Amino acid sequence: MIQIAVLTNGFVYVGDVQPINKGVIVILNAWNIRRWGTTRGLGEIAVEGPTKNTILDRAGIVRVPNHSLIFLLDCEAKQWQRVLD
């Protein structure tokens, strides 16, 4: 499932989030969201996909300890496909 993961220390990633296993979540095909580029918050890009002002950095596979996860935000996968493919 394509989700945005908000982590401690201000890190935000988008990608295919796998279920939590042994205290770790894995984000496949992850991209770091360096700049949201929104006018209506993080939910804007979750629903509508990245804007022309969104800055993403490829991150590959990201493993996140459970204690570092603040929340997950479900994304409209079709809005992200052009970036994540």
PDB file of N, CA and C in Angstrom:
ATOM      1  N   MET A   1       0.836  -1.180   0.000  1.00  0.00           N
ATOM      2  CA  MET A   1       0.000   0.000   0.000  1.00  0.00           C
ATOM      3  C   MET A   1       0.883   1.246   0.000  1.00  0.00           C
ATOM      4  N   ILE A   2       0.590   2.194  -0.868  1.00  0.00           N
ATOM      5  CA  ILE A   2       1.353   3.444  -0.929  1.00  0.00           C
ATOM      6  C   ILE A   2       0.910   4.326   0.235  1.00  0.00           C
ATOM      7  N   GLN A   3       1.885   4.700   1.049  1.00  0.00           N
ATOM      8  CA  GLN A   3       1.601   5.536   2.210  1.00  0.00           C
ATOM      9  C   GLN A   3       2.731   6.537   2.410  1.00  0.00           C
ATOM     10  N   ILE A   4       2.390   7.617   3.097  1.00  0.00           N
ATOM     11  CA  ILE A   4       3.386   8.573   3.561  1.00  0.00           C
ATOM     12  C   ILE A   4       3.654   8.230   5.015  1.00  0.00           C
ATOM     13  N   ALA A   5       4.928   8.053   5.342  1.00  0.00           N
ATOM     14  CA  ALA A   5       5.335   7.743   6.712  1.00  0.00           C
ATOM     15  C   ALA A   5       5.999   8.975   7.317  1.00  0.00           C
ATOM     16  N   VAL A   6       5.424   9.455   8.405  1.00  0.00           N
ATOM     17  CA  VAL A   6       5.998  10.594   9.120  1.00  0.00           C
ATOM     18  C   VAL A   6       6.762  10.024  10.316  1.00  0.00           C
ATOM     19  N   LEU A   7       8.045  10.362  10.367  1.00  0.00           N
ATOM     20  CA  LEU A   7       8.935   9.798  11.375  1.00  0.00           C
ATOM     21  C   LEU A   7       9.456  10.877  12.309  1.00  0.00           C
ATOM     22  N   THR A   8      10.083  10.446  13.372  1.00  0.00           N
ATOM     23  CA  THR A   8      10.703  11.392  14.289  1.00  0.00           C
ATOM     24  C   THR A   8      11.804  12.168  13.563  1.00  0.00           C
ATOM     25  N   ASN A   9      12.208  13.261  14.154  1.00  0.00           N
ATOM     26  CA  ASN A   9      13.274  14.123  13.627  1.00  0.00           C
ATOM     27  C   ASN A   9      12.943  14.740  12.278  1.00  0.00           C
ATOM     28  N   GLY A  10      11.642  14.790  11.918  1.00  0.00           N
ATOM     29  CA  GLY A  10      11.218  15.498  10.723  1.00  0.00           C
ATOM     30  C   GLY A  10      11.339  14.737   9.419  1.00  0.00           C
ATOM     31  N   PHE A  11      11.655  13.454   9.459  1.00  0.00           N
ATOM     32  CA  PHE A  11      11.767  12.682   8.233  1.00  0.00           C
ATOM     33  C   PHE A  11      10.395  12.264   7.730  1.00  0.00           C
ATOM     34  N   VAL A  12      10.176  12.393   6.428  1.00  0.00           N
ATOM     35  CA  VAL A  12       8.912  12.020   5.795  1.00  0.00           C
ATOM     36  C   VAL A  12       9.233  11.254   4.524  1.00  0.00           C
ATOM     37  N   TYR A  13       8.668  10.046   4.409  1.00  0.00           N
ATOM     38  CA  TYR A  13       8.905   9.198   3.242  1.00  0.00           C
ATOM     39  C   TYR A  13       7.580   8.789   2.622  1.00  0.00           C
ATOM     40  N   VAL A  14       7.611   8.508   1.329  1.00  0.00           N
ATOM     41  CA  VAL A  14       6.462   7.934   0.634  1.00  0.00           C
ATOM     42  C   VAL A  14       6.956   6.691  -0.085  1.00  0.00           C
ATOM     43  N   GLY A  15       6.108   5.661  -0.103  1.00  0.00           N
ATOM     44  CA  GLY A  15       6.464   4.430  -0.796  1.00  0.00           C
ATOM     45  C   GLY A  15       5.511   3.318  -0.426  1.00  0.00           C
ATOM     46  N   ASP A  16       5.885   2.110  -0.797  1.00  0.00           N
ATOM     47  CA  ASP A  16       5.076   0.921  -0.530  1.00  0.00           C
ATOM     48  C   ASP A  16       5.412   0.414   0.869  1.00  0.00           C
ATOM     49  N   VAL A  17       4.580   0.767   1.842  1.00  0.00           N
ATOM     50  CA  VAL A  17       4.828   0.410   3.238  1.00  0.00           C
ATOM     51  C   VAL A  17       4.349  -1.012   3.497  1.00  0.00           C
ATOM     52  N   GLN A  18       5.262  -1.824   3.994  1.00  0.00           N
ATOM     53  CA  GLN A  18       4.965  -3.212   4.337  1.00  0.00           C
ATOM     54  C   GLN A  18       4.521  -3.295   5.795  1.00  0.00           C
ATOM     55  N   PRO A  19       3.759  -4.330   6.130  1.00  0.00           N
ATOM     56  CA  PRO A  19       3.292  -4.470   7.520  1.00  0.00           C
ATOM     57  C   PRO A  19       4.461  -4.514   8.509  1.00  0.00           C
ATOM     58  N   ILE A  20       4.173  -4.068   9.704  1.00  0.00           N
ATOM     59  CA  ILE A  20       5.178  -4.060  10.761  1.00  0.00           C
ATOM     60  C   ILE A  20       5.536  -5.499  11.114  1.00  0.00           C
ATOM     61  N   ASN A  21       6.832  -5.775  11.164  1.00  0.00           N
ATOM     62  CA  ASN A  21       7.320  -7.117  11.461  1.00  0.00           C
ATOM     63  C   ASN A  21       8.533  -6.998  12.377  1.00  0.00           C
ATOM     64  N   LYS A  22       8.461  -7.600  13.522  1.00  0.00           N
ATOM     65  CA  LYS A  22       9.579  -7.598  14.480  1.00  0.00           C
ATOM     66  C   LYS A  22      10.010  -6.182  14.850  1.00  0.00           C
ATOM     67  N   GLY A  23       9.034  -5.297  15.042  1.00  0.00           N
ATOM     68  CA  GLY A  23       9.343  -3.944  15.493  1.00  0.00           C
ATOM     69  C   GLY A  23       9.875  -3.008  14.436  1.00  0.00           C
ATOM     70  N   VAL A  24       9.776  -3.402  13.150  1.00  0.00           N
ATOM     71  CA  VAL A  24      10.309  -2.576  12.069  1.00  0.00           C
ATOM     72  C   VAL A  24       9.296  -2.521  10.934  1.00  0.00           C
ATOM     73  N   ILE A  25       9.102  -1.327  10.359  1.00  0.00           N
ATOM     74  CA  ILE A  25       8.343  -1.244   9.110  1.00  0.00           C
ATOM     75  C   ILE A  25       9.359  -1.095   7.985  1.00  0.00           C
ATOM     76  N   VAL A  26       8.995  -1.600   6.827  1.00  0.00           N
ATOM     77  CA  VAL A  26       9.856  -1.510   5.653  1.00  0.00           C
ATOM     78  C   VAL A  26       9.103  -0.716   4.591  1.00  0.00           C
ATOM     79  N   ILE A  27       9.771   0.270   4.012  1.00  0.00           N
ATOM     80  CA  ILE A  27       9.190   1.062   2.930  1.00  0.00           C
ATOM     81  C   ILE A  27       9.970   0.735   1.664  1.00  0.00           C
ATOM     82  N   LEU A  28       9.300   0.055   0.738  1.00  0.00           N
ATOM     83  CA  LEU A  28       9.918  -0.310  -0.529  1.00  0.00           C
ATOM     84  C   LEU A  28       9.729   0.813  -1.539  1.00  0.00           C
ATOM     85  N   ASN A  29      10.680   0.950  -2.461  1.00  0.00           N
ATOM     86  CA  ASN A  29      10.633   2.011  -3.462  1.00  0.00           C
ATOM     87  C   ASN A  29      10.360   3.356  -2.790  1.00  0.00           C
ATOM     88  N   ALA A  30      11.087   3.616  -1.732  1.00  0.00           N
ATOM     89  CA  ALA A  30      10.867   4.808  -0.910  1.00  0.00           C
ATOM     90  C   ALA A  30      11.479   6.058  -1.524  1.00  0.00           C
ATOM     91  N   TRP A  31      10.792   7.145  -1.294  1.00  0.00           N
ATOM     92  CA  TRP A  31      11.278   8.473  -1.660  1.00  0.00           C
ATOM     93  C   TRP A  31      11.170   9.351  -0.419  1.00  0.00           C
ATOM     94  N   ASN A  32      12.234  10.094  -0.126  1.00  0.00           N
ATOM     95  CA  ASN A  32      12.186  11.070   0.945  1.00  0.00           C
ATOM     96  C   ASN A  32      11.469  12.308   0.413  1.00  0.00           C
ATOM     97  N   ILE A  33      10.499  12.790   1.163  1.00  0.00           N
ATOM     98  CA  ILE A  33       9.808  14.029   0.768  1.00  0.00           C
ATOM     99  C   ILE A  33      10.565  15.176   1.434  1.00  0.00           C
ATOM    100  N   ARG A  34      11.469  15.761   0.686  1.00  0.00           N
ATOM    101  CA  ARG A  34      12.301  16.850   1.220  1.00  0.00           C
ATOM    102  C   ARG A  34      11.498  18.142   1.345  1.00  0.00           C
ATOM    103  N   ARG A  35      10.663  18.419   0.362  1.00  0.00           N
ATOM    104  CA  ARG A  35       9.785  19.608   0.414  1.00  0.00           C
ATOM    105  C   ARG A  35       8.403  19.178  -0.023  1.00  0.00           C
ATOM    106  N   TRP A  36       7.415  19.453   0.829  1.00  0.00           N
ATOM    107  CA  TRP A  36       6.039  19.074   0.500  1.00  0.00           C
ATOM    108  C   TRP A  36       5.546  19.805  -0.735  1.00  0.00           C
ATOM    109  N   GLY A  37       5.795  21.120  -0.801  1.00  0.00           N
ATOM    110  CA  GLY A  37       5.350  21.905  -1.947  1.00  0.00           C
ATOM    111  C   GLY A  37       3.845  22.094  -1.992  1.00  0.00           C
ATOM    112  N   THR A  38       3.219  22.105  -0.816  1.00  0.00           N
ATOM    113  CA  THR A  38       1.759  22.199  -0.758  1.00  0.00           C
ATOM    114  C   THR A  38       1.304  23.542  -0.208  1.00  0.00           C
ATOM    115  N   THR A  39       0.031  23.810  -0.405  1.00  0.00           N
ATOM    116  CA  THR A  39      -0.597  24.975   0.227  1.00  0.00           C
ATOM    117  C   THR A  39      -1.646  24.524   1.237  1.00  0.00           C
ATOM    118  N   ARG A  40      -1.974  23.215   1.218  1.00  0.00           N
ATOM    119  CA  ARG A  40      -3.013  22.686   2.108  1.00  0.00           C
ATOM    120  C   ARG A  40      -2.504  21.519   2.963  1.00  0.00           C
ATOM    121  N   GLY A  41      -1.216  21.460   3.204  1.00  0.00           N
ATOM    122  CA  GLY A  41      -0.660  20.467   4.099  1.00  0.00           C
ATOM    123  C   GLY A  41      -0.316  19.141   3.440  1.00  0.00           C
ATOM    124  N   LEU A  42       0.126  18.218   4.253  1.00  0.00           N
ATOM    125  CA  LEU A  42       0.600  16.926   3.784  1.00  0.00           C
ATOM    126  C   LEU A  42      -0.519  16.094   3.160  1.00  0.00           C
ATOM    127  N   GLY A  43      -1.730  16.241   3.673  1.00  0.00           N
ATOM    128  CA  GLY A  43      -2.865  15.520   3.100  1.00  0.00           C
ATOM    129  C   GLY A  43      -3.099  15.852   1.639  1.00  0.00           C
ATOM    130  N   GLU A  44      -2.739  17.046   1.231  1.00  0.00           N
ATOM    131  CA  GLU A  44      -2.906  17.451  -0.172  1.00  0.00           C
ATOM    132  C   GLU A  44      -2.152  16.520  -1.112  1.00  0.00           C
ATOM    133  N   ILE A  45      -0.896  16.228  -0.788  1.00  0.00           N
ATOM    134  CA  ILE A  45      -0.149  15.357  -1.693  1.00  0.00           C
ATOM    135  C   ILE A  45      -0.503  13.886  -1.495  1.00  0.00           C
ATOM    136  N   ALA A  46      -1.022  13.525  -0.339  1.00  0.00           N
ATOM    137  CA  ALA A  46      -1.480  12.144  -0.140  1.00  0.00           C
ATOM    138  C   ALA A  46      -2.629  11.841  -1.095  1.00  0.00           C
ATOM    139  N   VAL A  47      -3.544  12.791  -1.239  1.00  0.00           N
ATOM    140  CA  VAL A  47      -4.736  12.596  -2.061  1.00  0.00           C
ATOM    141  C   VAL A  47      -4.481  12.923  -3.528  1.00  0.00           C
ATOM    142  N   GLU A  48      -3.761  13.999  -3.801  1.00  0.00           N
ATOM    143  CA  GLU A  48      -3.616  14.500  -5.168  1.00  0.00           C
ATOM    144  C   GLU A  48      -2.269  14.172  -5.815  1.00  0.00           C
ATOM    145  N   GLY A  49      -1.353  13.589  -5.063  1.00  0.00           N
ATOM    146  CA  GLY A  49      -0.021  13.315  -5.584  1.00  0.00           C
ATOM    147  C   GLY A  49       0.873  14.533  -5.447  1.00  0.00           C
ATOM    148  N   PRO A  50       2.137  14.391  -5.811  1.00  0.00           N
ATOM    149  CA  PRO A  50       3.080  15.498  -5.655  1.00  0.00           C
ATOM    150  C   PRO A  50       2.708  16.687  -6.533  1.00  0.00           C
ATOM    151  N   THR A  51       3.005  17.876  -6.038  1.00  0.00           N
ATOM    152  CA  THR A  51       2.763  19.103  -6.798  1.00  0.00           C
ATOM    153  C   THR A  51       4.021  19.438  -7.590  1.00  0.00           C
ATOM    154  N   LYS A  52       3.948  20.477  -8.389  1.00  0.00           N
ATOM    155  CA  LYS A  52       5.134  20.903  -9.148  1.00  0.00           C
ATOM    156  C   LYS A  52       6.231  21.409  -8.211  1.00  0.00           C
ATOM    157  N   ASN A  53       5.865  21.775  -6.981  1.00  0.00           N
ATOM    158  CA  ASN A  53       6.838  22.277  -6.016  1.00  0.00           C
ATOM    159  C   ASN A  53       7.330  21.227  -5.032  1.00  0.00           C
ATOM    160  N   THR A  54       6.791  20.009  -5.113  1.00  0.00           N
ATOM    161  CA  THR A  54       7.237  18.925  -4.236  1.00  0.00           C
ATOM    162  C   THR A  54       8.636  18.484  -4.671  1.00  0.00           C
ATOM    163  N   ILE A  55       9.506  18.282  -3.696  1.00  0.00           N
ATOM    164  CA  ILE A  55      10.851  17.783  -3.986  1.00  0.00           C
ATOM    165  C   ILE A  55      11.003  16.422  -3.326  1.00  0.00           C
ATOM    166  N   LEU A  56      11.325  15.420  -4.155  1.00  0.00           N
ATOM    167  CA  LEU A  56      11.487  14.041  -3.701  1.00  0.00           C
ATOM    168  C   LEU A  56      12.905  13.577  -3.985  1.00  0.00           C
ATOM    169  N   ASP A  57      13.459  12.783  -3.061  1.00  0.00           N
ATOM    170  CA  ASP A  57      14.777  12.191  -3.241  1.00  0.00           C
ATOM    171  C   ASP A  57      14.637  10.680  -3.110  1.00  0.00           C
ATOM    172  N   ARG A  58      15.104   9.953  -4.130  1.00  0.00           N
ATOM    173  CA  ARG A  58      15.007   8.489  -4.099  1.00  0.00           C
ATOM    174  C   ARG A  58      15.771   7.962  -2.890  1.00  0.00           C
ATOM    175  N   ALA A  59      15.148   7.010  -2.194  1.00  0.00           N
ATOM    176  CA  ALA A  59      15.769   6.457  -0.987  1.00  0.00           C
ATOM    177  C   ALA A  59      15.896   4.935  -1.025  1.00  0.00           C
ATOM    178  N   GLY A  60      15.292   4.278  -2.007  1.00  0.00           N
ATOM    179  CA  GLY A  60      15.405   2.823  -2.106  1.00  0.00           C
ATOM    180  C   GLY A  60      14.541   2.114  -1.087  1.00  0.00           C
ATOM    181  N   ILE A  61      15.157   1.277  -0.264  1.00  0.00           N
ATOM    182  CA  ILE A  61      14.448   0.557   0.796  1.00  0.00           C
ATOM    183  C   ILE A  61      14.794   1.213   2.120  1.00  0.00           C
ATOM    184  N   VAL A  62      13.764   1.595   2.861  1.00  0.00           N
ATOM    185  CA  VAL A  62      13.964   2.236   4.161  1.00  0.00           C
ATOM    186  C   VAL A  62      13.371   1.337   5.235  1.00  0.00           C
ATOM    187  N   ARG A  63      14.159   1.039   6.249  1.00  0.00           N
ATOM    188  CA  ARG A  63      13.689   0.259   7.398  1.00  0.00           C
ATOM    189  C   ARG A  63      13.595   1.203   8.592  1.00  0.00           C
ATOM    190  N   VAL A  64      12.422   1.208   9.215  1.00  0.00           N
ATOM    191  CA  VAL A  64      12.152   2.170  10.280  1.00  0.00           C
ATOM    192  C   VAL A  64      11.779   1.428  11.562  1.00  0.00           C
ATOM    193  N   PRO A  65      12.503   1.668  12.649  1.00  0.00           N
ATOM    194  CA  PRO A  65      12.094   1.074  13.917  1.00  0.00           C
ATOM    195  C   PRO A  65      10.717   1.617  14.317  1.00  0.00           C
ATOM    196  N   ASN A  66       9.905   0.741  14.844  1.00  0.00           N
ATOM    197  CA  ASN A  66       8.544   1.112  15.259  1.00  0.00           C
ATOM    198  C   ASN A  66       8.495   2.386  16.092  1.00  0.00           C
ATOM    199  N   HIS A  67       9.433   2.542  16.993  1.00  0.00           N
ATOM    200  CA  HIS A  67       9.405   3.690  17.906  1.00  0.00           C
ATOM    201  C   HIS A  67       9.661   5.013  17.192  1.00  0.00           C
ATOM    202  N   SER A  68      10.150   4.966  15.950  1.00  0.00           N
ATOM    203  CA  SER A  68      10.409   6.198  15.189  1.00  0.00           C
ATOM    204  C   SER A  68       9.226   6.624  14.336  1.00  0.00           C
ATOM    205  N   LEU A  69       8.220   5.770  14.223  1.00  0.00           N
ATOM    206  CA  LEU A  69       7.048   6.070  13.400  1.00  0.00           C
ATOM    207  C   LEU A  69       6.048   6.908  14.194  1.00  0.00           C
ATOM    208  N   ILE A  70       5.675   8.068  13.634  1.00  0.00           N
ATOM    209  CA  ILE A  70       4.661   8.909  14.268  1.00  0.00           C
ATOM    210  C   ILE A  70       3.292   8.547  13.718  1.00  0.00           C
ATOM    211  N   PHE A  71       3.151   8.554  12.370  1.00  0.00           N
ATOM    212  CA  PHE A  71       1.905   8.089  11.766  1.00  0.00           C
ATOM    213  C   PHE A  71       2.102   7.768  10.300  1.00  0.00           C
ATOM    214  N   LEU A  72       1.131   7.023   9.749  1.00  0.00           N
ATOM    215  CA  LEU A  72       1.087   6.687   8.327  1.00  0.00           C
ATOM    216  C   LEU A  72      -0.139   7.348   7.719  1.00  0.00           C
ATOM    217  N   LEU A  73       0.010   7.847   6.519  1.00  0.00           N
ATOM    218  CA  LEU A  73      -1.071   8.510   5.800  1.00  0.00           C
ATOM    219  C   LEU A  73      -1.277   7.775   4.483  1.00  0.00           C
ATOM    220  N   ASP A  74      -2.463   7.179   4.298  1.00  0.00           N
ATOM    221  CA  ASP A  74      -2.753   6.459   3.055  1.00  0.00           C
ATOM    222  C   ASP A  74      -2.773   7.422   1.875  1.00  0.00           C
ATOM    223  N   CYS A  75      -2.235   6.962   0.750  1.00  0.00           N
ATOM    224  CA  CYS A  75      -2.179   7.775  -0.466  1.00  0.00           C
ATOM    225  C   CYS A  75      -3.088   7.198  -1.542  1.00  0.00           C
ATOM    226  N   GLU A  76      -3.510   8.055  -2.444  1.00  0.00           N
ATOM    227  CA  GLU A  76      -4.195   7.619  -3.656  1.00  0.00           C
ATOM    228  C   GLU A  76      -3.099   7.125  -4.593  1.00  0.00           C
ATOM    229  N   ALA A  77      -2.991   5.806  -4.702  1.00  0.00           N
ATOM    230  CA  ALA A  77      -1.876   5.196  -5.440  1.00  0.00           C
ATOM    231  C   ALA A  77      -1.775   5.699  -6.874  1.00  0.00           C
ATOM    232  N   LYS A  78      -2.910   5.873  -7.544  1.00  0.00           N
ATOM    233  CA  LYS A  78      -2.857   6.293  -8.957  1.00  0.00           C
ATOM    234  C   LYS A  78      -2.239   7.679  -9.108  1.00  0.00           C
ATOM    235  N   GLN A  79      -2.336   8.529  -8.083  1.00  0.00           N
ATOM    236  CA  GLN A  79      -1.743   9.867  -8.141  1.00  0.00           C
ATOM    237  C   GLN A  79      -0.226   9.826  -7.972  1.00  0.00           C
ATOM    238  N   TRP A  80       0.280   8.729  -7.403  1.00  0.00           N
ATOM    239  CA  TRP A  80       1.708   8.593  -7.144  1.00  0.00           C
ATOM    240  C   TRP A  80       2.411   7.679  -8.156  1.00  0.00           C
ATOM    241  N   GLN A  81       1.668   6.943  -8.972  1.00  0.00           N
ATOM    242  CA  GLN A  81       2.272   5.955  -9.869  1.00  0.00           C
ATOM    243  C   GLN A  81       3.320   6.543 -10.798  1.00  0.00           C
ATOM    244  N   ARG A  82       3.087   7.732 -11.328  1.00  0.00           N
ATOM    245  CA  ARG A  82       4.052   8.320 -12.273  1.00  0.00           C
ATOM    246  C   ARG A  82       5.391   8.595 -11.609  1.00  0.00           C
ATOM    247  N   VAL A  83       5.386   8.820 -10.307  1.00  0.00           N
ATOM    248  CA  VAL A  83       6.624   9.076  -9.574  1.00  0.00           C
ATOM    249  C   VAL A  83       7.255   7.776  -9.107  1.00  0.00           C
ATOM    250  N   LEU A  84       6.446   6.867  -8.618  1.00  0.00           N
ATOM    251  CA  LEU A  84       6.967   5.662  -7.982  1.00  0.00           C
ATOM    252  C   LEU A  84       7.364   4.574  -8.959  1.00  0.00           C
ATOM    253  N   ASP A  85       6.947   4.682 -10.216  1.00  0.00           N
ATOM    254  CA  ASP A  85       7.310   3.663 -11.210  1.00  0.00           C
ATOM    255  C   ASP A  85       8.695   3.863 -11.748  1.00  0.00           C
TER     256      ASP A  85
END
